[in-house]
């Protein structure tokens, strides 16, 4: 029993780093007051939380790029003070994720 517990404890750091990959965010906000918080959820799943700090609504487009896969675009409209999460599931494990965020005040 002690050996099993020790093995599980030894493998714990490996499980914690399984969903760890670099995320590059390129932002073009065009005067909108938006913050983006990227999150690596799993080895093939990522999300970005957008928060509109401005006094006017904003329309945003977010492009997820993961190497050889086709880029995937998510669009959202954020009211003042609103938060929304955008996510994407990939077909392959993510090695490096590139996000391109473009926002326009409405």
Protein backbone atom coordinates (compact mmCIF):
# COMPACT_ATOMS: atom_id res chain seq x y z
CA UNK A 1 0.00 0.00 0.00
CA UNK A 2 2.85 2.37 0.84
CA UNK A 3 4.46 1.70 -2.54
CA UNK A 4 1.27 2.57 -4.40
CA UNK A 5 0.94 5.84 -2.47
CA UNK A 6 4.57 6.72 -3.16
CA UNK A 7 4.14 5.99 -6.88
CA UNK A 8 1.06 8.19 -7.06
CA UNK A 9 2.85 11.03 -5.27
CA UNK A 10 5.81 10.69 -7.63
CA UNK A 11 3.52 10.98 -10.67
CA UNK A 12 1.63 14.01 -9.36
CA UNK A 13 4.04 16.64 -10.81
CA UNK A 14 3.74 15.00 -14.23
CA UNK A 15 -0.04 15.30 -14.18
CA UNK A 16 0.16 18.98 -13.23
CA UNK A 17 2.32 19.84 -16.25
CA UNK A 18 0.30 17.83 -18.77
CA UNK A 19 -1.71 20.88 -19.87
CA UNK A 20 1.17 23.32 -19.89
CA UNK A 21 2.06 24.92 -23.21
CA UNK A 22 3.05 28.44 -24.23
CA UNK A 23 0.29 30.78 -25.37
CA UNK A 24 1.13 33.83 -27.50
CA UNK A 25 -1.54 36.57 -27.63
CA UNK A 26 -1.50 39.27 -30.30
CA UNK A 27 -4.00 42.04 -29.54
CA UNK A 28 -5.38 44.74 -31.81
CA UNK A 29 -7.91 46.55 -29.64
CA UNK A 30 -8.55 49.70 -31.74
CA UNK A 31 -9.58 51.78 -28.73
CA UNK A 32 -11.71 49.11 -27.01
CA UNK A 33 -10.89 48.51 -23.33
CA UNK A 34 -10.72 44.71 -23.35
CA UNK A 35 -8.56 42.37 -21.28
CA UNK A 36 -7.83 38.82 -22.42
CA UNK A 37 -6.82 36.02 -20.05
CA UNK A 38 -5.73 32.82 -21.86
CA UNK A 39 -5.99 29.44 -20.14
CA UNK A 40 -4.55 26.04 -21.05
CA UNK A 41 -7.29 23.71 -19.86
CA UNK A 42 -6.12 20.38 -21.28
CA UNK A 43 -3.54 19.12 -23.77
CA UNK A 44 -5.98 19.78 -26.65
CA UNK A 45 -8.31 22.39 -25.15
CA UNK A 46 -7.80 26.12 -24.60
CA UNK A 47 -9.97 29.04 -23.51
CA UNK A 48 -9.74 32.82 -23.32
CA UNK A 49 -11.75 34.97 -20.95
CA UNK A 50 -12.55 38.43 -22.32
CA UNK A 51 -13.61 41.28 -20.06
CA UNK A 52 -14.89 44.64 -21.32
CA UNK A 53 -13.74 47.41 -18.97
CA UNK A 54 -14.96 50.19 -21.27
CA UNK A 55 -18.10 52.31 -21.21
CA UNK A 56 -19.30 51.12 -24.63
CA UNK A 57 -19.98 47.75 -26.21
CA UNK A 58 -17.28 46.04 -28.27
CA UNK A 59 -17.27 43.42 -31.02
CA UNK A 60 -14.33 41.01 -30.85
CA UNK A 61 -12.93 38.30 -33.07
CA UNK A 62 -10.50 35.70 -31.71
CA UNK A 63 -8.47 33.38 -33.95
CA UNK A 64 -7.01 30.18 -32.43
CA UNK A 65 -3.92 28.83 -34.25
CA UNK A 66 -2.32 25.51 -33.36
CA UNK A 67 0.42 24.66 -35.83
CA UNK A 68 -0.73 22.71 -38.87
CA UNK A 69 -4.45 22.76 -38.05
CA UNK A 70 -6.75 25.23 -39.80
CA UNK A 71 -7.25 28.44 -37.77
CA UNK A 72 -10.57 28.64 -35.93
CA UNK A 73 -12.35 31.95 -35.38
CA UNK A 74 -14.74 32.83 -32.57
CA UNK A 75 -16.74 36.08 -32.54
CA UNK A 76 -18.42 37.74 -29.58
CA UNK A 77 -20.13 41.01 -28.66
CA UNK A 78 -19.36 42.32 -25.17
CA UNK A 79 -21.56 44.85 -23.37
CA UNK A 80 -19.86 47.28 -20.96
CA UNK A 81 -18.64 45.39 -17.88
CA UNK A 82 -19.46 41.98 -19.39
CA UNK A 83 -17.20 38.88 -19.30
CA UNK A 84 -17.33 35.99 -21.74
CA UNK A 85 -15.23 32.88 -22.24
CA UNK A 86 -14.32 31.58 -25.68
CA UNK A 87 -12.90 28.08 -26.04
CA UNK A 88 -11.63 25.75 -28.70
CA UNK A 89 -10.91 22.01 -28.78
CA UNK A 90 -8.17 20.89 -31.15
CA UNK A 91 -7.73 17.57 -32.92
CA UNK A 92 -4.07 17.29 -31.85
CA UNK A 93 -2.09 18.04 -28.73
CA UNK A 94 -1.14 21.70 -28.50
CA UNK A 95 2.59 22.46 -28.50
CA UNK A 96 2.31 26.25 -28.88
CA UNK A 97 -0.93 28.20 -29.18
CA UNK A 98 -1.14 31.50 -31.03
CA UNK A 99 -4.14 33.74 -30.44
CA UNK A 100 -5.03 36.82 -32.48
CA UNK A 101 -7.58 39.11 -30.82
CA UNK A 102 -9.16 41.95 -32.80
CA UNK A 103 -11.74 44.23 -31.13
CA UNK A 104 -13.71 47.26 -32.32
CA UNK A 105 -15.79 49.59 -30.15
CA UNK A 106 -19.42 49.47 -31.22
